[in-house]
Amino acid sequence: MTVALSIVVMSALLASPFINVLAGRGGPRWLGSYAVVGAFGFAAAAIAVAVTIGLFKSIGPQRTRVVAPDSGGGGRRSLHDRVTGECDPVLWDTFAR
């Protein structure tokens, strides 16, 4: 629940300047956008948990730890490691098993 709330709060903080300007210029109906931001935040958290559980069940815990950064926020770092060859060989040996 705290993960979902942190996603919603961060999304609302990022969207609030735009929503407030729209509410000021276009009327108070735009304040309903905060509910939409909240709904999308909770949906994103639910999808992330479902994907993680699916990975855990399908490929196991060790491989999930290797694959999960590619599908999450650490994707840029993993891509950088692959391109530059700076990846940890122990992790890739674990994944290859």
N, C-alpha and C. Protein backbone atom coordinates (compact mmCIF):
# COMPACT_ATOMS: atom_id res chain seq x y z
N MET A 1 0.82 -1.19 0.00
CA MET A 1 0.00 0.00 0.00
C MET A 1 0.87 1.26 0.00
N THR A 2 1.98 1.21 0.72
CA THR A 2 2.83 2.40 0.77
C THR A 2 3.50 2.66 -0.58
N VAL A 3 3.79 1.59 -1.33
CA VAL A 3 4.36 1.78 -2.66
C VAL A 3 3.35 2.49 -3.56
N ALA A 4 2.11 2.04 -3.50
CA ALA A 4 1.06 2.66 -4.32
C ALA A 4 0.85 4.12 -3.92
N LEU A 5 0.84 4.39 -2.63
CA LEU A 5 0.66 5.78 -2.19
C LEU A 5 1.83 6.66 -2.60
N SER A 6 3.03 6.13 -2.54
CA SER A 6 4.18 6.95 -2.96
C SER A 6 4.12 7.25 -4.45
N ILE A 7 3.65 6.29 -5.25
CA ILE A 7 3.50 6.53 -6.69
C ILE A 7 2.45 7.60 -6.94
N VAL A 8 1.33 7.52 -6.23
CA VAL A 8 0.24 8.49 -6.40
C VAL A 8 0.69 9.88 -5.97
N VAL A 9 1.36 9.97 -4.84
CA VAL A 9 1.80 11.29 -4.35
C VAL A 9 2.81 11.90 -5.30
N MET A 10 3.76 11.10 -5.77
CA MET A 10 4.77 11.64 -6.69
C MET A 10 4.11 12.08 -8.01
N SER A 11 3.17 11.30 -8.50
CA SER A 11 2.48 11.68 -9.73
C SER A 11 1.66 12.95 -9.53
N ALA A 12 1.00 13.05 -8.39
CA ALA A 12 0.21 14.25 -8.12
C ALA A 12 1.10 15.48 -7.98
N LEU A 13 2.27 15.32 -7.36
CA LEU A 13 3.18 16.46 -7.24
C LEU A 13 3.69 16.92 -8.61
N LEU A 14 3.94 15.97 -9.50
CA LEU A 14 4.41 16.34 -10.83
C LEU A 14 3.31 16.95 -11.69
N ALA A 15 2.08 16.48 -11.51
CA ALA A 15 0.98 16.96 -12.34
C ALA A 15 0.29 18.19 -11.78
N SER A 16 0.46 18.48 -10.51
CA SER A 16 -0.32 19.54 -9.87
C SER A 16 -0.13 20.93 -10.50
N PRO A 17 1.06 21.35 -10.92
CA PRO A 17 1.13 22.67 -11.55
C PRO A 17 0.27 22.77 -12.81
N PHE A 18 0.27 21.73 -13.61
CA PHE A 18 -0.52 21.74 -14.84
C PHE A 18 -2.01 21.70 -14.54
N ILE A 19 -2.39 20.87 -13.58
CA ILE A 19 -3.81 20.76 -13.22
C ILE A 19 -4.30 22.07 -12.62
N ASN A 20 -3.49 22.70 -11.78
CA ASN A 20 -3.91 23.97 -11.17
C ASN A 20 -4.08 25.08 -12.20
N VAL A 21 -3.17 25.13 -13.18
CA VAL A 21 -3.31 26.14 -14.24
C VAL A 21 -4.57 25.87 -15.06
N LEU A 22 -4.80 24.61 -15.39
CA LEU A 22 -6.01 24.26 -16.14
C LEU A 22 -7.26 24.60 -15.34
N ALA A 23 -7.24 24.37 -14.03
CA ALA A 23 -8.39 24.70 -13.19
C ALA A 23 -8.59 26.21 -13.11
N GLY A 24 -7.49 26.95 -13.08
CA GLY A 24 -7.61 28.41 -13.04
C GLY A 24 -8.14 29.01 -14.33
N ARG A 25 -7.76 28.44 -15.45
CA ARG A 25 -8.19 28.98 -16.74
C ARG A 25 -9.47 28.36 -17.26
N GLY A 26 -9.66 27.06 -16.99
CA GLY A 26 -10.78 26.36 -17.59
C GLY A 26 -11.91 26.03 -16.65
N GLY A 27 -11.78 26.33 -15.39
CA GLY A 27 -12.84 26.05 -14.44
C GLY A 27 -12.48 24.92 -13.50
N PRO A 28 -13.27 24.81 -12.44
CA PRO A 28 -12.96 23.82 -11.39
C PRO A 28 -13.16 22.37 -11.82
N ARG A 29 -13.76 22.15 -12.97
CA ARG A 29 -13.95 20.76 -13.41
C ARG A 29 -12.61 20.05 -13.60
N TRP A 30 -11.54 20.80 -13.86
CA TRP A 30 -10.23 20.21 -14.06
C TRP A 30 -9.65 19.63 -12.77
N LEU A 31 -10.18 20.01 -11.62
CA LEU A 31 -9.70 19.46 -10.36
C LEU A 31 -10.00 17.97 -10.24
N GLY A 32 -10.92 17.49 -11.04
CA GLY A 32 -11.19 16.06 -11.09
C GLY A 32 -10.02 15.26 -11.64
N SER A 33 -9.09 15.95 -12.27
CA SER A 33 -7.90 15.27 -12.79
C SER A 33 -7.07 14.66 -11.67
N TYR A 34 -7.17 15.20 -10.47
CA TYR A 34 -6.44 14.59 -9.35
C TYR A 34 -6.92 13.17 -9.08
N ALA A 35 -8.22 12.93 -9.24
CA ALA A 35 -8.76 11.58 -9.08
C ALA A 35 -8.22 10.65 -10.17
N VAL A 36 -8.09 11.18 -11.38
CA VAL A 36 -7.56 10.38 -12.49
C VAL A 36 -6.10 10.04 -12.23
N VAL A 37 -5.33 11.00 -11.75
CA VAL A 37 -3.92 10.76 -11.42
C VAL A 37 -3.82 9.68 -10.34
N GLY A 38 -4.68 9.75 -9.34
CA GLY A 38 -4.69 8.73 -8.29
C GLY A 38 -5.04 7.35 -8.82
N ALA A 39 -6.03 7.30 -9.69
CA ALA A 39 -6.44 6.00 -10.25
C ALA A 39 -5.32 5.39 -11.10
N PHE A 40 -4.67 6.21 -11.91
CA PHE A 40 -3.57 5.70 -12.72
C PHE A 40 -2.38 5.29 -11.85
N GLY A 41 -2.14 5.99 -10.76
CA GLY A 41 -1.05 5.62 -9.86
C GLY A 41 -1.29 4.27 -9.20
N PHE A 42 -2.51 4.06 -8.71
CA PHE A 42 -2.83 2.76 -8.10
C PHE A 42 -2.80 1.65 -9.14
N ALA A 43 -3.26 1.93 -10.35
CA ALA A 43 -3.22 0.92 -11.41
C ALA A 43 -1.77 0.56 -11.76
N ALA A 44 -0.90 1.56 -11.82
CA ALA A 44 0.51 1.30 -12.13
C ALA A 44 1.15 0.44 -11.05
N ALA A 45 0.84 0.72 -9.80
CA ALA A 45 1.40 -0.09 -8.71
C ALA A 45 0.89 -1.53 -8.78
N ALA A 46 -0.39 -1.70 -9.10
CA ALA A 46 -0.95 -3.05 -9.20
C ALA A 46 -0.32 -3.83 -10.34
N ILE A 47 -0.10 -3.17 -11.47
CA ILE A 47 0.53 -3.84 -12.62
C ILE A 47 1.97 -4.22 -12.28
N ALA A 48 2.68 -3.34 -11.60
CA ALA A 48 4.07 -3.63 -11.23
C ALA A 48 4.16 -4.84 -10.30
N VAL A 49 3.25 -4.92 -9.34
CA VAL A 49 3.24 -6.06 -8.43
C VAL A 49 2.89 -7.34 -9.19
N ALA A 50 1.91 -7.25 -10.08
CA ALA A 50 1.51 -8.44 -10.86
C ALA A 50 2.64 -8.94 -11.75
N VAL A 51 3.36 -8.02 -12.38
CA VAL A 51 4.49 -8.42 -13.22
C VAL A 51 5.59 -9.06 -12.39
N THR A 52 5.86 -8.51 -11.24
CA THR A 52 6.89 -9.07 -10.37
C THR A 52 6.51 -10.47 -9.89
N ILE A 53 5.27 -10.65 -9.50
CA ILE A 53 4.82 -11.99 -9.07
C ILE A 53 4.88 -12.96 -10.24
N GLY A 54 4.48 -12.52 -11.43
CA GLY A 54 4.54 -13.37 -12.61
C GLY A 54 5.96 -13.79 -12.94
N LEU A 55 6.89 -12.84 -12.87
CA LEU A 55 8.30 -13.18 -13.10
C LEU A 55 8.81 -14.16 -12.06
N PHE A 56 8.44 -13.93 -10.82
CA PHE A 56 8.89 -14.79 -9.74
C PHE A 56 8.41 -16.22 -9.94
N LYS A 57 7.14 -16.37 -10.34
CA LYS A 57 6.58 -17.71 -10.53
C LYS A 57 7.10 -18.38 -11.79
N SER A 58 7.35 -17.59 -12.84
CA SER A 58 7.73 -18.21 -14.11
C SER A 58 9.23 -18.51 -14.22
N ILE A 59 10.09 -17.63 -13.72
CA ILE A 59 11.52 -17.86 -13.90
C ILE A 59 12.28 -18.01 -12.59
N GLY A 60 11.61 -17.88 -11.45
CA GLY A 60 12.26 -18.11 -10.17
C GLY A 60 12.86 -16.85 -9.57
N PRO A 61 13.23 -16.94 -8.28
CA PRO A 61 13.71 -15.75 -7.58
C PRO A 61 15.06 -15.23 -8.05
N GLN A 62 16.00 -16.12 -8.35
CA GLN A 62 17.33 -15.65 -8.73
C GLN A 62 17.29 -14.92 -10.08
N ARG A 63 16.61 -15.51 -11.03
CA ARG A 63 16.54 -14.88 -12.35
C ARG A 63 15.69 -13.62 -12.33
N THR A 64 14.69 -13.59 -11.45
CA THR A 64 13.88 -12.37 -11.33
C THR A 64 14.73 -11.21 -10.87
N ARG A 65 15.67 -11.46 -9.98
CA ARG A 65 16.55 -10.40 -9.51
C ARG A 65 17.43 -9.85 -10.63
N VAL A 66 17.71 -10.67 -11.62
CA VAL A 66 18.52 -10.22 -12.76
C VAL A 66 17.66 -9.50 -13.79
N VAL A 67 16.46 -10.03 -14.05
CA VAL A 67 15.59 -9.49 -15.10
C VAL A 67 14.84 -8.26 -14.62
N ALA A 68 14.47 -8.19 -13.36
CA ALA A 68 13.62 -7.11 -12.86
C ALA A 68 14.20 -5.70 -13.08
N PRO A 69 15.49 -5.46 -12.91
CA PRO A 69 15.98 -4.11 -13.18
C PRO A 69 15.79 -3.65 -14.63
N ASP A 70 15.75 -4.60 -15.57
CA ASP A 70 15.51 -4.22 -16.96
C ASP A 70 14.08 -3.76 -17.18
N SER A 71 13.14 -4.29 -16.40
CA SER A 71 11.74 -3.94 -16.59
C SER A 71 11.30 -2.81 -15.66
N GLY A 72 12.15 -2.41 -14.74
CA GLY A 72 11.78 -1.36 -13.79
C GLY A 72 12.56 -0.08 -14.02
N GLY A 73 12.71 0.67 -12.95
CA GLY A 73 13.37 1.96 -13.04
C GLY A 73 14.85 1.89 -13.33
N GLY A 74 15.48 0.74 -13.12
CA GLY A 74 16.91 0.61 -13.35
C GLY A 74 17.24 0.20 -14.77
N GLY A 75 16.30 0.27 -15.67
CA GLY A 75 16.52 -0.17 -17.03
C GLY A 75 17.64 0.56 -17.75
N ARG A 76 17.76 1.85 -17.49
CA ARG A 76 18.82 2.61 -18.15
C ARG A 76 20.19 2.14 -17.68
N ARG A 77 20.32 1.86 -16.40
CA ARG A 77 21.60 1.39 -15.87
C ARG A 77 21.95 0.03 -16.45
N SER A 78 20.97 -0.86 -16.52
CA SER A 78 21.24 -2.19 -17.08
C SER A 78 21.62 -2.10 -18.54
N LEU A 79 20.95 -1.23 -19.28
CA LEU A 79 21.30 -1.04 -20.68
C LEU A 79 22.71 -0.49 -20.81
N HIS A 80 23.06 0.46 -19.95
CA HIS A 80 24.41 1.01 -19.95
C HIS A 80 25.44 -0.07 -19.67
N ASP A 81 25.14 -0.94 -18.71
CA ASP A 81 26.07 -2.03 -18.38
C ASP A 81 26.27 -2.96 -19.57
N ARG A 82 25.20 -3.25 -20.28
CA ARG A 82 25.31 -4.15 -21.43
C ARG A 82 26.10 -3.53 -22.56
N VAL A 83 25.87 -2.24 -22.80
CA VAL A 83 26.55 -1.58 -23.91
C VAL A 83 28.04 -1.42 -23.62
N THR A 84 28.37 -1.05 -22.39
CA THR A 84 29.76 -0.78 -22.05
C THR A 84 30.51 -2.01 -21.56
N GLY A 85 29.79 -3.10 -21.32
CA GLY A 85 30.44 -4.31 -20.84
C GLY A 85 30.83 -4.26 -19.38
N GLU A 86 30.19 -3.39 -18.60
CA GLU A 86 30.53 -3.26 -17.18
C GLU A 86 29.64 -4.10 -16.28
N CYS A 87 28.96 -5.08 -16.83
CA CYS A 87 28.04 -5.87 -16.02
C CYS A 87 28.80 -6.87 -15.16
N ASP A 88 28.17 -7.26 -14.09
CA ASP A 88 28.75 -8.22 -13.15
C ASP A 88 28.66 -9.62 -13.75
N PRO A 89 29.77 -10.30 -14.00
CA PRO A 89 29.70 -11.62 -14.63
C PRO A 89 29.01 -12.66 -13.76
N VAL A 90 29.03 -12.48 -12.44
CA VAL A 90 28.37 -13.44 -11.56
C VAL A 90 26.86 -13.42 -11.79
N LEU A 91 26.29 -12.24 -11.97
CA LEU A 91 24.85 -12.14 -12.23
C LEU A 91 24.48 -12.81 -13.54
N TRP A 92 25.27 -12.61 -14.58
CA TRP A 92 24.95 -13.19 -15.86
C TRP A 92 25.17 -14.69 -15.86
N ASP A 93 26.12 -15.20 -15.07
CA ASP A 93 26.28 -16.65 -14.92
C ASP A 93 25.06 -17.24 -14.22
N THR A 94 24.54 -16.51 -13.23
CA THR A 94 23.34 -16.97 -12.53
C THR A 94 22.16 -17.03 -13.48
N PHE A 95 22.04 -16.03 -14.34
CA PHE A 95 20.91 -15.98 -15.27
C PHE A 95 21.02 -17.06 -16.33
N ALA A 96 22.24 -17.42 -16.72
CA ALA A 96 22.43 -18.39 -17.79
C ALA A 96 22.13 -19.81 -17.34
N ARG A 97 22.09 -20.06 -16.06
CA ARG A 97 21.85 -21.43 -15.56
C ARG A 97 20.44 -21.88 -15.78
